[in-house]
N, C-alpha and C. Protein backbone atom coordinates (compact mmCIF):
# COMPACT_ATOMS: atom_id res chain seq x y z
N MET A 1 14.06 29.71 37.76
CA MET A 1 13.82 28.44 37.21
C MET A 1 12.57 27.52 37.80
N ILE A 2 12.41 27.78 39.20
CA ILE A 2 11.31 27.00 39.78
C ILE A 2 10.08 27.57 39.31
N LEU A 3 9.83 28.84 38.93
CA LEU A 3 8.63 29.23 38.33
C LEU A 3 8.33 28.58 37.04
N PHE A 4 9.35 28.23 36.31
CA PHE A 4 9.17 27.58 35.07
C PHE A 4 8.59 26.32 35.25
N PHE A 5 8.83 25.49 36.12
CA PHE A 5 8.32 24.12 36.50
C PHE A 5 7.01 24.26 37.05
N VAL A 6 6.87 25.33 37.95
CA VAL A 6 5.61 25.46 38.58
C VAL A 6 4.60 25.89 37.45
N GLY A 7 4.97 26.71 36.49
CA GLY A 7 4.00 27.18 35.41
C GLY A 7 3.66 26.06 34.57
N GLU A 8 4.68 25.22 34.28
CA GLU A 8 4.41 24.06 33.43
C GLU A 8 3.44 23.14 34.11
N PHE A 9 3.66 22.90 35.26
CA PHE A 9 2.72 22.00 35.99
C PHE A 9 1.43 22.49 36.07
N LEU A 10 1.23 23.82 36.36
CA LEU A 10 -0.11 24.44 36.31
C LEU A 10 -0.89 24.58 35.05
N PHE A 11 -0.11 24.72 34.00
CA PHE A 11 -0.64 24.78 32.69
C PHE A 11 -1.17 23.46 32.17
N ILE A 12 -0.26 22.42 32.33
CA ILE A 12 -0.71 20.99 32.00
C ILE A 12 -2.02 20.72 32.85
N GLY A 13 -2.00 20.97 34.28
CA GLY A 13 -2.94 20.67 34.90
C GLY A 13 -4.36 21.28 34.62
N LEU A 14 -4.20 22.57 34.29
CA LEU A 14 -5.38 23.32 33.80
C LEU A 14 -6.02 22.80 32.58
N VAL A 15 -5.11 22.49 31.54
CA VAL A 15 -5.59 21.85 30.33
C VAL A 15 -6.21 20.48 30.61
N ALA A 16 -5.57 19.68 31.44
CA ALA A 16 -6.17 18.32 31.82
C ALA A 16 -7.49 18.53 32.41
N ALA A 17 -7.58 19.34 33.32
CA ALA A 17 -8.87 19.69 34.13
C ALA A 17 -9.97 20.16 33.07
N ALA A 18 -9.57 21.02 32.19
CA ALA A 18 -10.57 21.34 31.18
C ALA A 18 -10.98 20.14 30.28
N CYS A 19 -10.06 19.33 29.89
CA CYS A 19 -10.35 18.21 29.22
C CYS A 19 -11.44 17.12 29.87
N ILE A 20 -10.97 16.90 31.03
CA ILE A 20 -12.00 15.88 31.81
C ILE A 20 -13.28 16.62 32.47
N SER A 21 -13.35 17.83 32.27
CA SER A 21 -14.54 18.52 32.89
C SER A 21 -15.73 18.11 32.12
N GLY A 22 -15.66 17.86 30.77
CA GLY A 22 -16.83 17.47 29.91
C GLY A 22 -16.78 16.17 29.28
N SER A 23 -15.63 15.44 29.64
CA SER A 23 -15.49 14.14 29.11
C SER A 23 -14.37 13.22 29.75
N ASN A 24 -14.09 12.39 29.12
CA ASN A 24 -13.07 11.35 29.56
C ASN A 24 -11.68 11.92 28.95
N LEU A 25 -10.64 11.88 29.86
CA LEU A 25 -9.40 12.38 29.37
C LEU A 25 -8.85 11.55 28.18
N PHE A 26 -9.21 10.29 27.97
CA PHE A 26 -8.72 9.44 27.01
C PHE A 26 -9.48 9.77 25.71
N ASP A 27 -10.58 10.60 25.72
CA ASP A 27 -10.96 11.24 24.50
C ASP A 27 -10.04 12.07 23.69
N PHE A 28 -9.16 12.64 24.46
CA PHE A 28 -8.04 13.56 23.92
C PHE A 28 -6.82 12.91 23.56
N LEU A 29 -6.87 11.47 23.49
CA LEU A 29 -5.65 10.77 23.23
C LEU A 29 -5.79 10.14 21.82
N ASP A 30 -5.02 10.39 20.81
CA ASP A 30 -5.00 9.72 19.53
C ASP A 30 -3.54 9.69 19.21
N ILE A 31 -3.08 8.35 19.28
CA ILE A 31 -1.64 8.16 19.07
C ILE A 31 -1.12 8.51 17.73
N PRO A 32 -1.84 8.21 16.69
CA PRO A 32 -1.31 8.80 15.26
C PRO A 32 -1.27 10.07 15.32
N SER A 33 -2.26 10.89 15.70
CA SER A 33 -2.19 12.42 15.75
C SER A 33 -0.97 12.95 16.70
N LEU A 34 -0.83 12.19 17.63
CA LEU A 34 0.30 12.65 18.68
C LEU A 34 1.55 12.51 17.99
N LEU A 35 1.71 11.32 17.36
CA LEU A 35 3.04 10.93 16.60
C LEU A 35 3.25 11.99 15.52
N MET A 36 2.21 12.31 14.75
CA MET A 36 2.29 13.10 13.63
C MET A 36 2.80 14.52 14.10
N VAL A 37 2.08 15.08 15.18
CA VAL A 37 2.32 16.38 15.52
C VAL A 37 3.89 16.50 16.19
N VAL A 38 3.98 15.57 17.30
CA VAL A 38 5.32 15.80 18.00
C VAL A 38 6.40 15.27 17.06
N GLY A 39 6.28 14.14 16.50
CA GLY A 39 7.26 13.58 15.48
C GLY A 39 7.51 14.57 14.30
N GLY A 40 6.40 14.84 13.64
CA GLY A 40 6.51 15.74 12.62
C GLY A 40 7.15 17.08 12.80
N GLY A 41 6.77 17.66 13.84
CA GLY A 41 7.36 19.03 14.40
C GLY A 41 8.84 18.83 14.65
N PHE A 42 9.20 17.63 15.26
CA PHE A 42 10.55 17.54 15.51
C PHE A 42 11.40 17.30 14.24
N PHE A 43 10.86 16.50 13.45
CA PHE A 43 11.53 16.20 12.03
C PHE A 43 11.66 17.47 11.25
N VAL A 44 10.79 18.31 11.24
CA VAL A 44 10.77 19.42 10.36
C VAL A 44 11.67 20.47 10.91
N THR A 45 11.82 20.41 12.36
CA THR A 45 12.78 21.30 12.95
C THR A 45 14.30 20.89 12.73
N ILE A 46 14.53 19.63 12.77
CA ILE A 46 15.97 19.16 12.82
C ILE A 46 16.43 19.29 11.32
N ILE A 47 15.55 19.52 10.38
CA ILE A 47 15.98 19.75 8.96
C ILE A 47 17.01 20.98 8.87
N SER A 48 16.43 21.88 9.71
CA SER A 48 17.11 23.18 9.59
C SER A 48 18.12 23.66 10.69
N PHE A 49 18.30 22.69 11.77
CA PHE A 49 19.26 23.10 12.86
C PHE A 49 20.29 21.88 13.00
N SER A 50 21.38 22.22 13.54
CA SER A 50 22.40 21.07 13.78
C SER A 50 22.11 20.72 15.20
N PHE A 51 22.84 19.61 15.70
CA PHE A 51 22.75 19.23 17.15
C PHE A 51 23.27 20.28 17.93
N LYS A 52 24.31 20.90 17.52
CA LYS A 52 24.88 22.04 18.28
C LYS A 52 23.82 23.09 18.50
N ASP A 53 23.09 23.51 17.44
CA ASP A 53 22.06 24.60 17.58
C ASP A 53 21.05 24.10 18.66
N ILE A 54 20.60 22.83 18.54
CA ILE A 54 19.60 22.43 19.54
C ILE A 54 20.18 22.36 20.77
N GLY A 55 21.30 21.85 21.09
CA GLY A 55 21.91 21.93 22.43
C GLY A 55 22.07 23.28 22.89
N ASN A 56 22.37 24.30 22.15
CA ASN A 56 22.59 25.56 22.61
C ASN A 56 21.13 26.18 22.93
N ALA A 57 20.14 25.79 22.10
CA ALA A 57 18.87 26.35 22.57
C ALA A 57 18.38 25.86 23.91
N PHE A 58 18.62 24.63 24.30
CA PHE A 58 18.30 24.12 25.60
C PHE A 58 19.06 24.83 26.63
N ALA A 59 20.41 24.97 26.28
CA ALA A 59 21.33 25.43 27.32
C ALA A 59 20.99 27.00 27.63
N GLN A 60 20.58 27.65 26.68
CA GLN A 60 20.22 29.02 26.89
C GLN A 60 18.87 29.17 27.77
N VAL A 61 17.99 28.21 27.76
CA VAL A 61 16.92 28.15 28.63
C VAL A 61 17.13 27.70 29.98
N PHE A 62 17.84 26.55 30.06
CA PHE A 62 18.05 25.90 31.32
C PHE A 62 19.43 26.13 32.04
N GLY A 63 20.36 26.74 31.24
CA GLY A 63 21.71 26.79 31.82
C GLY A 63 22.08 28.34 31.85
N GLU A 64 23.27 28.61 31.81
CA GLU A 64 23.72 30.02 31.92
C GLU A 64 23.39 30.69 30.49
N SER A 65 23.13 31.99 30.69
CA SER A 65 22.82 32.74 29.54
C SER A 65 24.24 33.00 28.84
N GLY A 66 24.21 32.81 27.50
CA GLY A 66 25.40 32.81 26.65
C GLY A 66 25.46 34.45 26.19
N GLU A 67 26.25 34.39 25.10
CA GLU A 67 26.48 35.60 24.34
C GLU A 67 25.23 36.07 23.53
N ARG A 68 25.24 37.24 23.10
CA ARG A 68 23.97 37.68 22.41
C ARG A 68 23.74 36.93 21.12
N ILE A 69 24.71 36.53 20.36
CA ILE A 69 24.48 35.64 19.21
C ILE A 69 23.94 34.49 19.49
N GLU A 70 24.47 33.74 20.64
CA GLU A 70 23.85 32.38 20.98
C GLU A 70 22.46 32.65 21.49
N LEU A 71 22.14 33.75 22.18
CA LEU A 71 20.64 33.93 22.62
C LEU A 71 19.84 34.13 21.33
N ARG A 72 20.25 34.89 20.35
CA ARG A 72 19.54 35.10 19.12
C ARG A 72 19.37 33.75 18.35
N GLN A 73 20.21 32.94 18.25
CA GLN A 73 20.14 31.78 17.56
C GLN A 73 19.24 30.79 18.34
N ALA A 74 19.21 30.91 19.67
CA ALA A 74 18.36 30.01 20.38
C ALA A 74 16.84 30.55 20.22
N ALA A 75 16.78 31.71 20.31
CA ALA A 75 15.34 32.32 20.04
C ALA A 75 14.71 31.92 18.63
N TYR A 76 15.72 32.00 17.74
CA TYR A 76 15.17 31.54 16.39
C TYR A 76 14.92 30.09 16.26
N PHE A 77 15.55 29.22 17.10
CA PHE A 77 15.29 27.85 17.11
C PHE A 77 13.82 27.60 17.80
N TRP A 78 13.68 28.11 19.09
CA TRP A 78 12.45 28.10 19.73
C TRP A 78 11.20 28.68 18.81
N PHE A 79 11.45 29.72 18.19
CA PHE A 79 10.32 30.24 17.20
C PHE A 79 10.12 29.26 16.15
N ALA A 80 11.14 28.54 15.62
CA ALA A 80 10.85 27.70 14.52
C ALA A 80 10.09 26.35 15.16
N VAL A 81 10.47 25.99 16.40
CA VAL A 81 9.61 24.81 16.83
C VAL A 81 8.10 25.15 16.97
N ILE A 82 8.01 26.43 17.54
CA ILE A 82 6.56 26.82 17.65
C ILE A 82 5.90 26.81 16.32
N ARG A 83 6.46 27.43 15.36
CA ARG A 83 5.92 27.42 14.03
C ARG A 83 5.77 26.10 13.47
N ASN A 84 6.63 25.28 13.64
CA ASN A 84 6.63 23.89 13.07
C ASN A 84 5.58 22.99 13.65
N LEU A 85 5.36 23.17 15.00
CA LEU A 85 4.29 22.41 15.69
C LEU A 85 2.98 22.81 15.33
N LEU A 86 2.74 24.15 15.09
CA LEU A 86 1.47 24.68 14.69
C LEU A 86 1.12 24.29 13.33
N ALA A 87 2.21 24.30 12.39
CA ALA A 87 2.10 23.95 10.97
C ALA A 87 1.64 22.56 10.82
N VAL A 88 2.42 21.57 11.52
CA VAL A 88 2.04 20.12 11.43
C VAL A 88 0.59 19.95 12.12
N GLY A 89 0.19 20.61 13.11
CA GLY A 89 -1.13 20.50 13.66
C GLY A 89 -2.13 20.93 12.57
N ALA A 90 -1.82 22.10 11.86
CA ALA A 90 -2.74 22.51 10.91
C ALA A 90 -2.76 21.49 9.72
N ILE A 91 -1.69 20.79 9.40
CA ILE A 91 -1.73 19.69 8.40
C ILE A 91 -2.55 18.70 8.75
N GLY A 92 -2.51 18.30 10.03
CA GLY A 92 -3.43 17.16 10.59
C GLY A 92 -4.87 17.70 10.50
N THR A 93 -5.09 18.94 10.74
CA THR A 93 -6.43 19.31 10.54
C THR A 93 -6.96 19.17 9.14
N LEU A 94 -6.14 19.53 8.21
CA LEU A 94 -6.54 19.49 6.92
C LEU A 94 -6.67 17.97 6.40
N ILE A 95 -5.90 17.01 6.91
CA ILE A 95 -5.93 15.67 6.64
C ILE A 95 -7.34 15.09 7.07
N GLY A 96 -7.68 15.57 8.34
CA GLY A 96 -8.96 15.12 8.92
C GLY A 96 -10.19 15.58 8.22
N ASN A 97 -10.07 16.94 7.77
CA ASN A 97 -11.25 17.52 7.01
C ASN A 97 -11.25 16.81 5.68
N ILE A 98 -10.20 16.68 4.98
CA ILE A 98 -10.21 15.92 3.62
C ILE A 98 -10.82 14.56 3.74
N GLN A 99 -10.42 13.82 4.89
CA GLN A 99 -11.00 12.58 5.20
C GLN A 99 -12.60 12.49 5.38
N MET A 100 -12.92 13.63 6.22
CA MET A 100 -14.37 13.79 6.46
C MET A 100 -15.15 14.16 5.23
N LEU A 101 -14.60 15.10 4.53
CA LEU A 101 -15.36 15.41 3.18
C LEU A 101 -15.25 14.33 2.20
N GLY A 102 -14.36 13.47 2.20
CA GLY A 102 -14.31 12.41 1.31
C GLY A 102 -15.26 11.12 1.69
N ASN A 103 -15.83 11.26 2.93
CA ASN A 103 -16.91 10.14 3.33
C ASN A 103 -18.16 10.70 3.78
N LEU A 104 -18.62 11.79 3.21
CA LEU A 104 -19.80 12.34 3.60
C LEU A 104 -20.96 11.45 3.27
N GLU A 105 -20.91 10.48 2.36
CA GLU A 105 -22.02 9.59 2.13
C GLU A 105 -22.25 8.70 3.46
N ASP A 106 -21.27 8.52 4.15
CA ASP A 106 -21.39 7.66 5.47
C ASP A 106 -21.29 8.69 6.61
N PRO A 107 -22.66 9.14 7.09
CA PRO A 107 -22.66 9.97 8.20
C PRO A 107 -21.83 9.55 9.55
N SER A 108 -21.64 8.19 9.63
CA SER A 108 -20.88 7.63 10.77
C SER A 108 -19.49 8.07 10.79
N THR A 109 -18.93 8.35 9.76
CA THR A 109 -17.52 8.82 9.71
C THR A 109 -17.31 10.26 9.93
N ILE A 110 -18.25 11.07 9.85
CA ILE A 110 -18.09 12.54 10.08
C ILE A 110 -17.44 12.82 11.38
N GLY A 111 -18.17 12.34 12.49
CA GLY A 111 -17.64 12.61 13.92
C GLY A 111 -16.12 12.15 14.14
N PRO A 112 -15.71 10.98 13.75
CA PRO A 112 -14.45 10.54 14.03
C PRO A 112 -13.36 11.22 13.18
N CYS A 113 -13.70 11.55 11.94
CA CYS A 113 -12.83 12.42 11.10
C CYS A 113 -12.59 13.71 11.63
N MET A 114 -13.77 14.27 12.13
CA MET A 114 -13.66 15.67 12.65
C MET A 114 -12.90 15.70 13.99
N ALA A 115 -13.09 14.62 14.80
CA ALA A 115 -12.27 14.64 16.01
C ALA A 115 -10.77 14.59 15.74
N ILE A 116 -10.39 13.71 14.72
CA ILE A 116 -8.97 13.65 14.33
C ILE A 116 -8.45 14.99 13.83
N SER A 117 -9.32 15.68 13.05
CA SER A 117 -9.02 17.01 12.52
C SER A 117 -8.76 17.93 13.75
N LEU A 118 -9.46 17.96 14.79
CA LEU A 118 -9.36 19.01 15.67
C LEU A 118 -8.27 18.45 16.64
N ILE A 119 -8.20 17.25 17.06
CA ILE A 119 -7.16 16.79 18.01
C ILE A 119 -5.76 17.12 17.55
N THR A 120 -5.44 17.07 16.23
CA THR A 120 -4.10 17.40 15.87
C THR A 120 -3.84 18.83 15.92
N PHE A 121 -4.71 19.54 15.66
CA PHE A 121 -4.64 21.03 15.90
C PHE A 121 -4.37 21.47 17.49
N PHE A 122 -5.18 20.73 18.23
CA PHE A 122 -5.01 20.88 19.80
C PHE A 122 -3.66 20.50 20.11
N TYR A 123 -3.17 19.28 19.70
CA TYR A 123 -1.82 18.95 19.92
C TYR A 123 -0.78 19.99 19.56
N GLY A 124 -0.97 20.49 18.32
CA GLY A 124 0.10 21.47 17.84
C GLY A 124 0.16 22.66 18.68
N ILE A 125 -1.12 23.26 19.21
CA ILE A 125 -1.12 24.36 20.07
C ILE A 125 -0.65 24.01 21.47
N PHE A 126 -1.07 22.87 21.98
CA PHE A 126 -0.65 22.35 23.30
C PHE A 126 0.82 22.20 23.47
N PHE A 127 1.35 21.32 22.60
CA PHE A 127 2.84 21.26 22.61
C PHE A 127 3.72 22.40 22.39
N SER A 128 3.21 23.32 21.59
CA SER A 128 3.96 24.54 21.32
C SER A 128 3.87 25.42 22.58
N GLY A 129 2.81 25.29 23.52
CA GLY A 129 2.82 25.97 24.74
C GLY A 129 3.57 25.43 25.84
N ILE A 130 3.82 24.07 25.75
CA ILE A 130 4.48 23.47 26.99
C ILE A 130 5.79 23.91 27.22
N LEU A 131 6.68 23.72 26.14
CA LEU A 131 8.27 24.02 26.33
C LEU A 131 8.62 25.26 25.40
N PRO A 132 8.22 25.16 23.93
CA PRO A 132 8.89 26.06 23.14
C PRO A 132 8.39 27.65 23.38
N LEU A 133 7.11 27.91 23.73
CA LEU A 133 6.62 29.09 23.80
C LEU A 133 7.36 29.79 25.17
N PRO A 134 7.29 29.14 26.31
CA PRO A 134 8.04 29.64 27.44
C PRO A 134 9.55 29.82 27.26
N ALA A 135 10.07 28.85 26.54
CA ALA A 135 11.48 28.98 26.33
C ALA A 135 11.96 30.20 25.43
N TYR A 136 11.04 30.46 24.37
CA TYR A 136 11.13 31.56 23.56
C TYR A 136 11.11 32.89 24.32
N TYR A 137 10.06 33.04 25.17
CA TYR A 137 9.78 34.19 26.03
C TYR A 137 11.02 34.48 27.04
N ILE A 138 11.55 33.24 27.52
CA ILE A 138 12.73 33.50 28.50
C ILE A 138 13.82 34.02 27.80
N ILE A 139 14.18 33.52 26.59
CA ILE A 139 15.22 34.02 25.74
C ILE A 139 15.12 35.44 25.35
N GLN A 140 13.91 35.81 24.85
CA GLN A 140 13.52 37.12 24.37
C GLN A 140 13.71 38.11 25.61
N ARG A 141 13.38 37.73 26.85
CA ARG A 141 13.47 38.55 27.96
C ARG A 141 15.04 38.79 28.26
N ARG A 142 15.85 37.70 27.96
CA ARG A 142 17.20 37.93 28.25
C ARG A 142 17.78 38.74 27.28
N LEU A 143 17.40 38.66 26.02
CA LEU A 143 17.88 39.62 25.05
C LEU A 143 17.45 40.96 25.25
N ALA A 144 16.29 41.24 25.71
CA ALA A 144 15.87 42.65 26.16
C ALA A 144 16.72 43.17 27.25
N ASN A 145 16.96 42.43 28.33
CA ASN A 145 17.58 42.74 29.42
C ASN A 145 19.13 43.08 29.02
N ASP A 146 19.74 42.24 28.04
CA ASP A 146 21.09 42.40 27.62
C ASP A 146 21.13 43.65 26.78
N SER A 147 20.25 44.14 26.15
CA SER A 147 20.37 45.31 25.16
C SER A 147 20.04 46.55 26.04
N SER A 148 19.54 46.53 27.32
CA SER A 148 19.27 47.62 28.16
C SER A 148 20.39 47.85 28.94
N GLU A 149 21.47 47.08 28.97
CA GLU A 149 22.64 47.36 29.83
C GLU A 149 23.59 48.10 29.27
């Protein structure tokens, strides 16, 4: 479990270092895009899962490993979270592109609209990589180890 947190810390640090290496870290902060991706990804996920399913998914990563069916349900949950974060990030990209293309007569809007377009996709990829992707791999490894016994 300690490697999980070390990996998380190093991943976030590496991304932050890459962001500040060429600009200001605050250039990568857009609250509406952040709310859209994180909130939208969460809302789309809870449509399909119960609170029990969500609790089980966290328990399978941070607690004791459960039965095979619980592991499979948890893996499906984390896969859905990854997919939903990426999908909402892609929706944000489309929104930004539509806004940009709708305002081509004003060249000063192209840069900000393109930035919004790209930052939402960045958020979708980044937030799927922080917890859901490692959680999914942890559970898949447990499933693979369980089937080899």
